[in-house]
């Protein structure tokens, strides 16, 4: 019996020693620093870079940061647009109903690029904004009051910030009326509540003609 007890105590002692050693190893092991996730903008830029070709925008190829900022905002402030089916969307994008999430985002970004370009160039159909045209972006028609009403401030911010706000406003107004644009002078609908280019039948036809031709809408 004594031999059995001694044997048991020896086993417990060895187990305890092993546990203590494991604890010491765990407490003295070097810590691993947490991996910092890339920012949303960085991820959007990477996604844009990985596309076979960047989605076409009306402001041309000279402003890739605007495209990145708009696509980024569509994954956050404007994410509701990606699952929406406005009553008039097929007029602008015939393939929208079966489009992938990526192509839907490209469409909304392309639509907004049309609004921005027409607003900033006074309605010129062939206008292409110069790189760094933050001042031109301020001509989008988003007043300080409108920005504040949609929770994006009323100051004179840079182009990317203005575009993020524009996406937020568009998502709210399109969602409100289930329409991209419509109505009349007494009651505008959708994004036409905010932007003059969408109040003109001729301008809407030009915008729709452009977006329908893009690969993400076929």
Protein backbone atom coordinates (compact mmCIF):
# COMPACT_ATOMS: atom_id res chain seq x y z
CA UNK A 1 0.00 0.00 0.00
CA UNK A 2 2.78 2.39 0.94
CA UNK A 3 4.48 1.68 -2.36
CA UNK A 4 1.27 2.51 -4.23
CA UNK A 5 0.88 5.80 -2.34
CA UNK A 6 4.47 6.78 -3.04
CA UNK A 7 4.00 5.93 -6.68
CA UNK A 8 0.85 8.07 -6.84
CA UNK A 9 2.55 11.02 -5.17
CA UNK A 10 5.44 10.78 -7.58
CA UNK A 11 3.05 10.88 -10.54
CA UNK A 12 1.22 13.91 -9.12
CA UNK A 13 4.52 15.67 -8.54
CA UNK A 14 5.61 15.07 -12.12
CA UNK A 15 2.24 16.27 -13.42
CA UNK A 16 2.44 19.42 -11.30
CA UNK A 17 5.94 20.08 -12.51
CA UNK A 18 4.80 19.71 -16.10
CA UNK A 19 1.88 22.07 -15.50
CA UNK A 20 4.11 24.66 -13.84
CA UNK A 21 6.56 24.43 -16.71
CA UNK A 22 3.73 24.89 -19.22
CA UNK A 23 2.45 27.92 -17.30
CA UNK A 24 5.94 29.41 -17.19
CA UNK A 25 6.35 28.83 -20.91
CA UNK A 26 3.01 30.43 -21.66
CA UNK A 27 3.69 33.49 -19.54
CA UNK A 28 7.18 34.00 -20.90
CA UNK A 29 6.34 33.35 -24.56
CA UNK A 30 6.61 36.42 -26.77
CA UNK A 31 3.26 38.10 -27.48
CA UNK A 32 1.99 38.40 -31.04
CA UNK A 33 1.03 41.89 -32.11
CA UNK A 34 -2.51 42.16 -33.55
CA UNK A 35 -2.72 42.47 -37.30
CA UNK A 36 -4.12 45.83 -38.32
CA UNK A 37 -6.91 45.59 -40.90
CA UNK A 38 -6.56 47.82 -43.96
CA UNK A 39 -8.85 50.81 -44.05
CA UNK A 40 -12.03 50.72 -46.11
CA UNK A 41 -10.43 53.06 -48.62
CA UNK A 42 -7.37 50.82 -48.92
CA UNK A 43 -9.58 47.77 -49.46
CA UNK A 44 -11.63 49.62 -52.07
CA UNK A 45 -8.44 50.71 -53.83
CA UNK A 46 -7.23 47.11 -53.85
CA UNK A 47 -10.55 45.89 -55.22
CA UNK A 48 -10.40 48.55 -57.94
CA UNK A 49 -6.86 47.51 -58.81
CA UNK A 50 -7.83 43.83 -59.01
CA UNK A 51 -10.65 44.42 -61.48
CA UNK A 52 -9.82 43.39 -65.04
CA UNK A 53 -10.43 47.02 -65.91
CA UNK A 54 -11.69 49.93 -63.77
CA UNK A 55 -15.39 50.70 -64.25
CA UNK A 56 -16.00 53.54 -66.69
CA UNK A 57 -16.82 56.89 -65.11
CA UNK A 58 -18.02 60.08 -66.80
CA UNK A 59 -15.26 62.08 -65.11
CA UNK A 60 -12.68 60.07 -67.07
CA UNK A 61 -9.54 58.26 -65.97
CA UNK A 62 -7.84 61.30 -64.47
CA UNK A 63 -9.55 60.99 -61.10
CA UNK A 64 -9.13 57.40 -59.85
CA UNK A 65 -9.34 58.56 -56.23
CA UNK A 66 -12.88 59.78 -56.86
CA UNK A 67 -13.85 56.37 -58.23
CA UNK A 68 -12.31 54.66 -55.21
CA UNK A 69 -14.05 57.05 -52.79
CA UNK A 70 -17.43 56.49 -54.47
CA UNK A 71 -17.15 52.69 -54.56
CA UNK A 72 -15.99 52.74 -50.94
CA UNK A 73 -18.99 54.85 -49.92
CA UNK A 74 -21.33 52.44 -51.71
CA UNK A 75 -20.15 49.70 -49.34
CA UNK A 76 -20.94 51.84 -46.29
CA UNK A 77 -23.18 54.92 -46.50
CA UNK A 78 -24.84 53.80 -49.72
CA UNK A 79 -24.96 50.04 -49.22
CA UNK A 80 -28.79 50.03 -49.39
CA UNK A 81 -28.55 51.02 -53.05
CA UNK A 82 -26.84 47.73 -53.92
CA UNK A 83 -29.91 45.70 -52.93
CA UNK A 84 -32.49 48.20 -54.17
CA UNK A 85 -34.58 47.91 -57.34
CA UNK A 86 -35.87 51.42 -58.13
CA UNK A 87 -38.89 51.59 -60.43
CA UNK A 88 -36.94 53.34 -63.20
CA UNK A 89 -33.53 51.71 -62.83
CA UNK A 90 -33.86 49.56 -65.99
CA UNK A 91 -34.10 52.75 -68.06
CA UNK A 92 -30.56 53.51 -66.96
CA UNK A 93 -29.16 50.00 -66.61
CA UNK A 94 -30.97 47.19 -68.51
CA UNK A 95 -28.89 44.45 -66.89
CA UNK A 96 -29.34 45.71 -63.33
CA UNK A 97 -31.85 43.07 -62.18
CA UNK A 98 -29.35 40.23 -62.66
CA UNK A 99 -26.16 42.25 -62.15
CA UNK A 100 -23.58 41.21 -59.58
CA UNK A 101 -23.01 43.33 -56.48
CA UNK A 102 -19.79 44.61 -58.07
CA UNK A 103 -21.57 45.69 -61.25
CA UNK A 104 -24.41 47.31 -59.31
CA UNK A 105 -21.85 49.35 -57.37
CA UNK A 106 -20.18 50.31 -60.66
CA UNK A 107 -23.54 51.46 -62.05
CA UNK A 108 -24.35 53.70 -59.09
CA UNK A 109 -20.84 55.14 -59.17
CA UNK A 110 -21.17 55.73 -62.92
CA UNK A 111 -24.55 57.38 -62.45
CA UNK A 112 -23.16 59.70 -59.80
CA UNK A 113 -20.15 60.52 -61.99
CA UNK A 114 -22.61 61.71 -64.64
CA UNK A 115 -24.44 63.92 -62.17
CA UNK A 116 -21.17 65.36 -60.85
CA UNK A 117 -19.79 66.05 -64.31
CA UNK A 118 -22.94 67.67 -65.67
CA UNK A 119 -23.40 69.73 -62.51
CA UNK A 120 -19.79 70.93 -62.46
CA UNK A 121 -19.50 71.64 -66.19
CA UNK A 122 -22.80 73.43 -66.49
CA UNK A 123 -24.49 70.59 -68.34
CA UNK A 124 -21.84 70.01 -71.01
CA UNK A 125 -22.28 66.43 -72.20
CA UNK A 126 -18.62 65.96 -73.08
CA UNK A 127 -17.14 67.64 -70.04
CA UNK A 128 -14.36 65.83 -68.19
CA UNK A 129 -13.31 67.20 -64.83
CA UNK A 130 -9.64 67.95 -64.32
CA UNK A 131 -7.72 66.05 -61.67
CA UNK A 132 -8.01 67.59 -58.23
CA UNK A 133 -11.17 69.48 -59.12
CA UNK A 134 -12.45 69.72 -55.56
CA UNK A 135 -13.75 73.22 -56.24
CA UNK A 136 -15.79 71.88 -59.15
CA UNK A 137 -17.21 69.16 -56.94
CA UNK A 138 -18.57 71.85 -54.64
CA UNK A 139 -20.88 72.79 -57.52
CA UNK A 140 -22.76 69.51 -57.16
CA UNK A 141 -25.63 71.37 -55.61
CA UNK A 142 -25.30 69.88 -52.14
CA UNK A 143 -25.97 72.91 -50.00
CA UNK A 144 -24.65 73.21 -46.45
CA UNK A 145 -28.18 72.68 -45.19
CA UNK A 146 -28.62 69.53 -47.24
CA UNK A 147 -25.32 68.13 -46.03
CA UNK A 148 -26.22 68.78 -42.42
CA UNK A 149 -29.69 67.29 -42.90
CA UNK A 150 -28.09 64.04 -44.06
CA UNK A 151 -25.47 64.02 -41.32
CA UNK A 152 -22.39 64.82 -43.35
CA UNK A 153 -21.50 68.32 -42.26
CA UNK A 154 -21.83 71.68 -43.91
CA UNK A 155 -18.24 72.71 -44.52
CA UNK A 156 -16.30 73.00 -47.77
CA UNK A 157 -14.56 69.62 -47.78
CA UNK A 158 -12.41 67.96 -50.42
CA UNK A 159 -13.71 66.02 -53.37
CA UNK A 160 -13.66 62.56 -51.79
CA UNK A 161 -15.62 63.73 -48.74
CA UNK A 162 -18.19 65.47 -50.94
CA UNK A 163 -18.64 62.29 -52.97
CA UNK A 164 -19.18 60.20 -49.84
CA UNK A 165 -21.86 62.66 -48.78
CA UNK A 166 -23.40 62.56 -52.27
CA UNK A 167 -23.65 58.76 -52.09
CA UNK A 168 -25.36 59.04 -48.72
CA UNK A 169 -27.83 61.61 -50.03
CA UNK A 170 -28.56 59.60 -53.18
CA UNK A 171 -29.22 56.44 -51.15
CA UNK A 172 -31.65 58.32 -48.91
CA UNK A 173 -33.58 60.03 -51.71
CA UNK A 174 -33.73 57.03 -54.07
CA UNK A 175 -34.84 54.84 -51.17
CA UNK A 176 -37.44 57.41 -50.13
CA UNK A 177 -39.23 57.39 -53.51
CA UNK A 178 -38.07 54.06 -54.97
CA UNK A 179 -36.97 56.02 -58.04
CA UNK A 180 -33.75 57.46 -59.43
CA UNK A 181 -35.47 60.56 -60.79
CA UNK A 182 -38.91 61.79 -61.68
CA UNK A 183 -41.67 64.18 -60.79
CA UNK A 184 -42.10 67.79 -61.81
CA UNK A 185 -41.43 71.30 -60.58
CA UNK A 186 -44.01 70.96 -57.83
CA UNK A 187 -42.68 67.65 -56.54
CA UNK A 188 -39.40 66.09 -57.61
CA UNK A 189 -38.69 62.44 -56.83
CA UNK A 190 -35.58 60.44 -56.02
CA UNK A 191 -32.21 62.03 -56.61
CA UNK A 192 -33.94 64.77 -58.63
CA UNK A 193 -34.85 66.25 -55.25
CA UNK A 194 -31.20 67.26 -54.94
CA UNK A 195 -29.61 67.54 -58.40
CA UNK A 196 -30.66 69.78 -61.29
CA UNK A 197 -29.30 67.50 -64.07
CA UNK A 198 -31.86 64.88 -63.07
CA UNK A 199 -34.72 67.37 -63.45
CA UNK A 200 -34.16 67.78 -67.17
CA UNK A 201 -35.61 65.15 -69.51
CA UNK A 202 -32.81 65.83 -72.01
CA UNK A 203 -30.15 65.47 -69.33
CA UNK A 204 -31.68 62.27 -67.97
CA UNK A 205 -31.78 60.83 -71.49
CA UNK A 206 -28.10 61.63 -72.00
CA UNK A 207 -27.14 60.09 -68.65
CA UNK A 208 -29.22 56.97 -69.31
CA UNK A 209 -27.78 56.66 -72.81
CA UNK A 210 -24.27 56.70 -71.35
CA UNK A 211 -24.87 54.24 -68.49
CA UNK A 212 -26.71 51.77 -70.76
CA UNK A 213 -23.61 51.49 -72.94
CA UNK A 214 -21.31 50.46 -70.08
CA UNK A 215 -20.26 46.84 -69.62
CA UNK A 216 -21.63 46.75 -66.06
CA UNK A 217 -25.16 47.45 -67.34
CA UNK A 218 -25.38 44.96 -70.19
